[in-house]
Amino acid sequence: MTQTSTHPPVRPADETFRQTLGRLSSAQKGAARSAPAYSRFVNRRLGRVLAAWAYRRGLSPNAVTGISALCTFSAIALLALVPPSVLLGVAVSVLLVLGYAFDSADGQVARLTGTGSVAGEWLDHMVDATKVVTLPLALAVGIHRFTDLDDAWLLVPLANAVVGSVLFFGMMLTEQLRRAQGVVSRATTAGRLPWLRSVLVLPTDYGVLCLAFLLYGLPHVFVPLLGLLTLGSAGFLVLALPKWFRDVRALAQRAGA
């Protein structure tokens, strides 16, 4: 999410929490109807509530990013250090969900306060890039240390790390190349098909992965589920890469390259 300044936001005097939420709603950038369903319907709204909370306490977008990172990397550390259990799965899932919601909140605070910056966007993306890789790697460590699963199952989190990293990099690079050519990506706002697509791409939704950890106390169930999510993401990536390449090639042709 685009962020941030080191200066804390200034809250209008006597503004209620509901009024702050209203201003956030009007300042929030449009969510693509084709975005994954959890991110679109749940995380964006949860992030709005957390953004209102952070804004009313004078937190800067960078501080919100820091809270997001603390929640996320605490969960990642637990995966590598603590044996799987039902309680651990709930704790990890809650921490990841909060981390993801605060990841949405930082950009919303930045837009509300007009404190967005390239440095803030860099920080946000660096946190995202790190968690995409370290989460499945920490999971692999935990599975190897604490479960009786065959080592072949370690290929699942390792494959997830590869697919997730390539998918994240491909999306970010494509978007940055579009910006460099003056093309602004716009949310899809018409038709019923984008809504259907938001459901079909659920395997790529980071929020679904966060919720999947509720089953982490049952490794024999959780790891195959992670495998299915990874296969779904890989299928999406196989379809998306040629399209992204065509888009970038069209940008180059338009620029006369």
Foldseek 3Di string as FASTA:
>chain_A
DFDWDPFFFDDPPPQDLVNQLVLLVVLDADDFLLAADCVRPPLLSLLSSVLSVCNVVRHILVVLLVQLLVLQVVLLVCLQPPAAALVNLVSSLVSNSSSSSSLNSSVSNCSSRVGGDPVSVVSSLVSVLVSQQSNLVSNLNNCVPHHPDDNVLNVLSVLSSVLSNVVSVLVVVLCVLCVVLVHHDGHDDDDDVSNVSSHLLNLNDVNVVSVLSSCRNPVVPSSVVSNVSSVSSVVVCVVVVVVSVVVSVVSCVVVVD
